[in-house]
Amino acid sequence: MKKNLVVAFILFSIPSFAQKLKLSDTISLTINEHNTIFIKAVFNEKDTLNLNFDTGTTELILINDVLKNTLKSTTELYSTFYHLKIGKTIYKTKVYDAELAGHGTDGRFGWDFFKGKVVELNYDNNSMIIHSELPNYVKLDSKFTTLKMEFWKDLFFVSSEIYAATYSRCNFFRNLR
């Protein structure tokens, strides 16, 4: 009886313990000679792509050359959802086309993939870490700063102020003639 009670307690404890886990997914991050930040992702379980992480982008954008000449998957733009595996997670996304993306990449993806998550870009370790919530080491370290973010349509902005010396009666454009 005691053995069954212990097993039952453990089984009933697992769901509540699992809900308290702080999950994270670490993805290898590359920065090329043009300072383009990109990761490897798998599109539709067939195509491995180098994708630029662009905070000004939403959904998935692939360059026309990749759409026409590289993809093994047949792609219907704008309306059909496809799978995109980034790290351990599979996202559902529509595909859009563009002529250009970051240097050396097949396309770009945006912040909306990680809505409700915390994205850490660790340049020292060449990694992008997707956290389920703000890590404790960030909360406890005074080197980190909280910035107010504002959303407008699908873009986010960080409020900031620029402090600079004040100039009066200066012609900054005098050498441009």
Protein backbone atom coordinates (compact mmCIF):
# COMPACT_ATOMS: atom_id res chain seq x y z
CA MET A 1 0.00 0.00 0.00
CA LYS A 2 2.79 2.44 0.90
CA LYS A 3 4.55 1.66 -2.38
CA ASN A 4 1.39 2.48 -4.37
CA LEU A 5 0.86 5.68 -2.40
CA VAL A 6 4.41 6.89 -3.13
CA VAL A 7 4.04 6.08 -6.84
CA ALA A 8 0.69 7.89 -6.95
CA PHE A 9 2.21 10.94 -5.22
CA ILE A 10 5.11 11.02 -7.69
CA LEU A 11 2.78 10.70 -10.69
CA PHE A 12 0.48 13.46 -9.46
CA SER A 13 3.48 15.68 -8.67
CA ILE A 14 5.00 15.49 -12.14
CA PRO A 15 2.43 17.76 -13.90
CA SER A 16 2.69 20.49 -11.28
CA PHE A 17 6.50 20.25 -11.27
CA ALA A 18 6.62 20.37 -15.07
CA GLN A 19 4.52 23.54 -15.10
CA LYS A 20 7.13 25.31 -12.97
CA LEU A 21 10.09 24.37 -15.20
CA LYS A 22 11.80 27.27 -16.91
CA LEU A 23 12.43 25.96 -20.39
CA SER A 24 14.99 27.25 -22.84
CA ASP A 25 16.15 26.31 -26.32
CA THR A 26 19.73 27.06 -27.36
CA ILE A 27 20.34 27.57 -31.08
CA SER A 28 23.70 28.02 -32.78
CA LEU A 29 24.07 31.60 -33.99
CA THR A 30 26.38 32.79 -36.77
CA ILE A 31 27.51 36.34 -37.48
CA ASN A 32 29.17 36.74 -40.86
CA GLU A 33 31.65 39.35 -42.12
CA HIS A 34 28.72 41.68 -42.96
CA ASN A 35 27.43 41.43 -39.34
CA THR A 36 24.38 39.48 -40.48
CA ILE A 37 22.96 37.39 -37.64
CA PHE A 38 21.61 34.05 -38.84
CA ILE A 39 20.66 30.58 -37.69
CA LYS A 40 20.00 27.27 -39.42
CA ALA A 41 16.36 26.23 -39.69
CA VAL A 42 14.56 23.35 -41.39
CA PHE A 43 11.69 24.32 -43.69
CA ASN A 44 8.87 21.82 -44.25
CA GLU A 45 11.04 18.93 -42.95
CA LYS A 46 13.05 18.99 -46.23
CA ASP A 47 15.12 22.13 -46.64
CA THR A 48 17.89 23.42 -44.36
CA LEU A 49 18.07 27.20 -44.64
CA ASN A 50 20.29 29.97 -43.28
CA LEU A 51 17.84 32.57 -41.97
CA ASN A 52 18.58 36.09 -40.80
CA PHE A 53 16.97 37.03 -37.48
CA ASP A 54 15.51 40.47 -38.21
CA THR A 55 13.51 42.26 -35.52
CA GLY A 56 11.81 44.36 -38.21
CA THR A 57 10.40 41.27 -39.91
CA THR A 58 7.38 39.14 -39.14
CA GLU A 59 6.68 35.60 -40.35
CA LEU A 60 9.08 33.97 -42.86
CA ILE A 61 10.50 35.70 -45.91
CA LEU A 62 12.54 33.74 -48.46
CA ILE A 63 14.49 35.30 -51.29
CA ASN A 64 13.23 34.68 -54.82
CA ASP A 65 16.36 32.80 -55.88
CA VAL A 66 15.88 30.28 -53.06
CA LEU A 67 12.17 29.89 -53.85
CA LYS A 68 12.89 29.22 -57.54
CA ASN A 69 16.17 27.30 -57.46
CA THR A 70 16.90 25.81 -54.04
CA LEU A 71 13.78 24.59 -52.23
CA LYS A 72 12.79 20.95 -52.58
CA SER A 73 9.37 21.90 -51.18
CA THR A 74 6.72 23.34 -53.45
CA THR A 75 5.69 26.62 -51.86
CA GLU A 76 2.47 28.57 -52.17
CA LEU A 77 3.11 32.13 -51.05
CA TYR A 78 1.06 34.28 -48.67
CA SER A 79 -1.75 31.90 -47.66
CA THR A 80 -0.50 28.40 -46.83
CA PHE A 81 1.06 27.51 -43.49
CA TYR A 82 4.32 25.56 -43.44
CA HIS A 83 6.48 24.08 -40.70
CA LEU A 84 9.73 25.80 -39.77
CA LYS A 85 11.92 24.06 -37.20
CA ILE A 86 14.17 26.42 -35.25
CA GLY A 87 16.11 24.64 -32.54
CA LYS A 88 13.79 22.10 -30.88
CA THR A 89 10.58 23.96 -31.74
CA ILE A 90 8.42 23.68 -34.85
CA TYR A 91 6.60 26.88 -35.81
CA LYS A 92 3.74 27.28 -38.29
CA THR A 93 4.24 30.17 -40.68
CA LYS A 94 3.19 31.58 -44.01
CA VAL A 95 5.90 32.32 -46.57
CA TYR A 96 6.52 35.63 -48.28
CA ASP A 97 8.99 36.49 -51.02
CA ALA A 98 11.63 39.20 -51.31
CA GLU A 99 14.48 40.01 -53.62
CA LEU A 100 17.02 40.47 -50.82
CA ALA A 101 17.76 39.32 -47.28
CA GLY A 102 20.82 39.55 -45.06
CA HIS A 103 24.14 38.82 -46.81
CA GLY A 104 24.71 35.10 -47.24
CA THR A 105 21.24 34.05 -46.10
CA ASP A 106 18.27 32.35 -47.73
CA GLY A 107 15.73 34.63 -46.09
CA ARG A 108 14.72 36.14 -42.79
CA PHE A 109 12.33 35.63 -39.92
CA GLY A 110 11.14 37.95 -37.21
CA TRP A 111 10.45 38.37 -33.53
CA ASP A 112 6.86 37.15 -33.81
CA PHE A 113 8.07 33.54 -33.76
CA PHE A 114 9.08 34.15 -30.16
CA LYS A 115 6.04 36.12 -28.98
CA GLY A 116 5.68 35.68 -25.22
CA LYS A 117 9.27 34.42 -24.88
CA VAL A 118 12.58 36.04 -23.97
CA VAL A 119 15.27 35.97 -26.68
CA GLU A 120 18.89 36.14 -25.57
CA LEU A 121 21.58 36.77 -28.18
CA ASN A 122 24.88 35.65 -26.67
CA TYR A 123 27.61 36.82 -29.02
CA ASP A 124 30.39 35.42 -26.80
CA ASN A 125 29.01 31.88 -27.14
CA ASN A 126 27.53 32.29 -30.64
CA SER A 127 24.10 31.29 -29.43
CA MET A 128 20.50 32.41 -29.51
CA ILE A 129 18.66 31.23 -26.42
CA ILE A 130 14.88 31.25 -26.31
CA HIS A 131 13.66 31.34 -22.70
CA SER A 132 10.12 30.67 -21.50
CA GLU A 133 10.58 33.53 -19.03
CA LEU A 134 13.20 36.06 -17.97
CA PRO A 135 16.16 34.13 -16.50
CA ASN A 136 17.00 34.75 -12.83
CA TYR A 137 20.58 35.76 -13.64
CA VAL A 138 19.20 38.70 -15.62
CA LYS A 139 16.92 39.75 -12.78
CA LEU A 140 19.79 39.63 -10.29
CA ASP A 141 22.49 41.37 -12.38
CA SER A 142 22.50 45.18 -12.23
CA LYS A 143 24.34 45.34 -15.59
CA PHE A 144 21.05 44.62 -17.34
CA THR A 145 18.60 47.45 -17.95
CA THR A 146 14.86 47.40 -18.49
CA LEU A 147 13.70 49.38 -21.52
CA LYS A 148 10.15 50.37 -22.32
CA MET A 149 8.92 48.77 -25.55
CA GLU A 150 6.05 50.06 -27.63
CA PHE A 151 4.22 48.20 -30.39
CA TRP A 152 2.90 49.75 -33.57
CA LYS A 153 1.29 47.35 -36.05
CA ASP A 154 3.76 44.44 -36.22
CA LEU A 155 6.83 46.42 -35.16
CA PHE A 156 8.25 47.10 -31.75
CA PHE A 157 10.18 50.15 -30.69
CA VAL A 158 12.39 50.89 -27.71
CA SER A 159 11.93 54.30 -26.11
CA SER A 160 15.22 56.06 -25.55
CA GLU A 161 16.84 59.44 -25.22
CA ILE A 162 20.01 60.71 -26.82
CA TYR A 163 22.17 63.06 -24.84
CA ALA A 164 24.59 65.18 -26.84
CA ALA A 165 26.39 68.46 -26.70
CA THR A 166 24.31 71.48 -27.70
CA TYR A 167 25.45 73.59 -30.62
CA SER A 168 24.13 76.95 -31.70
CA ARG A 169 24.58 78.81 -34.96
CA CYS A 170 26.55 75.98 -36.53
CA ASN A 171 26.44 75.09 -40.18
CA PHE A 172 26.96 71.33 -40.19
CA PHE A 173 26.50 71.19 -43.94
CA ARG A 174 29.12 73.75 -44.99
CA ASN A 175 31.52 71.15 -46.40
CA LEU A 176 28.91 69.41 -48.52
CA ARG A 177 28.83 71.86 -51.39
